[in-house]
Each structure stands twice: as structure tokens, then as C-alpha cells.
Amino acid sequence: VASLRDRRITPLLFDIAAKRLAMGNVPQDLSSLAWAVATARAKDSAAVALLRQVSLESAKTVQSFGPQDLAMCAWAFAKVAIR
């Protein structure tokens, strides 16, 4: 059984998540995805692509983000050093 820390599975999960973001989302989904990437300490191309997609989608709905969603996203982007 592979764990989430398995370097083969994590990029696949991040790739799937990035593709699904275009189907619609809410602030909690976006902040949770950003938090998951940062917590996984992933900095590979799939993680960066997912965070870029989260950033693009967040910009569209930032006015509906609550304080916790904003804090989680800010922390995640800072942790992974994506600007």
C-alpha cells in the first residue's frame, strides 16, 4: 500500500486536483488544496502546477474568501516559496 508520501503517487494526485479545479470550487477547496501541497512538502512540477492553478482560481473569487481561507493560502504559498 502506497502512502501519500510516496513520490510516485503525490504528483499524480496533484495533477488530477489541478485538472478538477476548472470544474468549480469554493474558497475552502482552494485553501485546503494549497495547504495539502505545503504540508506534503512537495516542490515538484505537479505541485507547482497545482499551486499556480489554485492561485488563478483564487484570484477569481478572493472576495468570498474568509480569514481562515486567506491565512491557509498565504501560509501554503510562503511555505513552498511560490510567488
Protein backbone atom coordinates (compact mmCIF):
# COMPACT_ATOMS: atom_id res chain seq x y z
CA VAL A 1 0.00 0.00 0.00
CA ALA A 2 1.44 3.33 -1.03
CA SER A 3 1.31 6.25 1.33
CA LEU A 4 0.66 9.88 0.42
CA ARG A 5 4.37 10.49 0.88
CA ASP A 6 5.08 8.08 -1.96
CA ARG A 7 6.89 10.16 -4.57
CA ARG A 8 5.12 8.29 -7.37
CA ILE A 9 1.58 8.93 -6.17
CA THR A 10 1.72 12.52 -4.96
CA PRO A 11 2.41 14.09 -8.39
CA LEU A 12 -0.49 12.10 -9.86
CA LEU A 13 -2.85 13.31 -7.14
CA PHE A 14 -1.74 16.90 -7.62
CA ASP A 15 -2.19 16.63 -11.40
CA ILE A 16 -5.73 15.30 -11.00
CA ALA A 17 -6.57 18.01 -8.47
CA ALA A 18 -5.29 20.75 -10.79
CA LYS A 19 -7.45 19.49 -13.65
CA ARG A 20 -10.56 19.28 -11.44
CA LEU A 21 -10.21 22.87 -10.23
CA ALA A 22 -11.62 24.10 -13.52
CA MET A 23 -14.88 22.29 -12.74
CA GLY A 24 -15.72 24.71 -9.95
CA ASN A 25 -14.61 25.29 -6.43
CA VAL A 26 -15.19 27.19 -3.24
CA PRO A 27 -12.62 29.05 -1.13
CA GLN A 28 -12.31 26.17 1.33
CA ASP A 29 -11.44 23.78 -1.52
CA LEU A 30 -8.73 26.10 -2.79
CA SER A 31 -7.21 26.78 0.60
CA SER A 32 -7.30 23.09 1.53
CA LEU A 33 -5.51 22.12 -1.68
CA ALA A 34 -2.84 24.75 -1.12
CA TRP A 35 -2.42 23.57 2.48
CA ALA A 36 -2.15 19.93 1.32
CA VAL A 37 0.65 20.76 -1.12
CA ALA A 38 2.59 22.69 1.51
CA THR A 39 2.07 20.02 4.14
CA ALA A 40 3.31 17.35 1.72
CA ARG A 41 6.46 19.48 1.29
CA ALA A 42 6.16 18.94 -2.44
CA LYS A 43 8.02 21.25 -4.79
CA ASP A 44 7.97 19.17 -7.96
CA SER A 45 6.39 20.34 -11.22
CA ALA A 46 2.98 18.84 -10.35
CA ALA A 47 2.91 20.68 -7.01
CA VAL A 48 3.91 23.96 -8.63
CA ALA A 49 1.29 23.49 -11.37
CA LEU A 50 -1.41 22.81 -8.77
CA LEU A 51 -0.45 25.89 -6.76
CA ARG A 52 -0.48 28.02 -9.90
CA GLN A 53 -3.97 26.74 -10.70
CA VAL A 54 -5.08 27.42 -7.11
CA SER A 55 -3.68 30.94 -7.47
CA LEU A 56 -5.54 31.59 -10.72
CA GLU A 57 -8.82 30.26 -9.38
CA SER A 58 -8.40 32.10 -6.07
CA ALA A 59 -7.93 35.41 -7.85
CA LYS A 60 -11.39 34.98 -9.38
CA THR A 61 -13.13 34.53 -6.02
CA VAL A 62 -10.84 36.19 -3.47
CA GLN A 63 -13.66 38.50 -2.34
CA SER A 64 -15.52 35.46 -0.97
CA PHE A 65 -12.54 34.10 1.00
CA GLY A 66 -12.84 34.15 4.75
CA PRO A 67 -9.94 34.93 7.09
CA GLN A 68 -9.04 31.26 7.54
CA ASP A 69 -9.01 30.61 3.78
CA LEU A 70 -6.75 33.62 3.22
CA ALA A 71 -4.43 32.58 6.04
CA MET A 72 -4.16 28.99 4.81
CA CYS A 73 -3.37 30.09 1.26
CA ALA A 74 -0.83 32.67 2.39
CA TRP A 75 0.88 30.15 4.65
CA ALA A 76 0.93 27.46 1.94
CA PHE A 77 2.41 29.73 -0.72
CA ALA A 78 5.01 31.04 1.72
CA LYS A 79 5.92 27.53 2.87
CA VAL A 80 6.51 26.33 -0.69
CA ALA A 81 8.06 29.71 -1.64
CA ILE A 82 5.80 30.27 -4.64
CA ARG A 83 5.36 33.92 -5.54
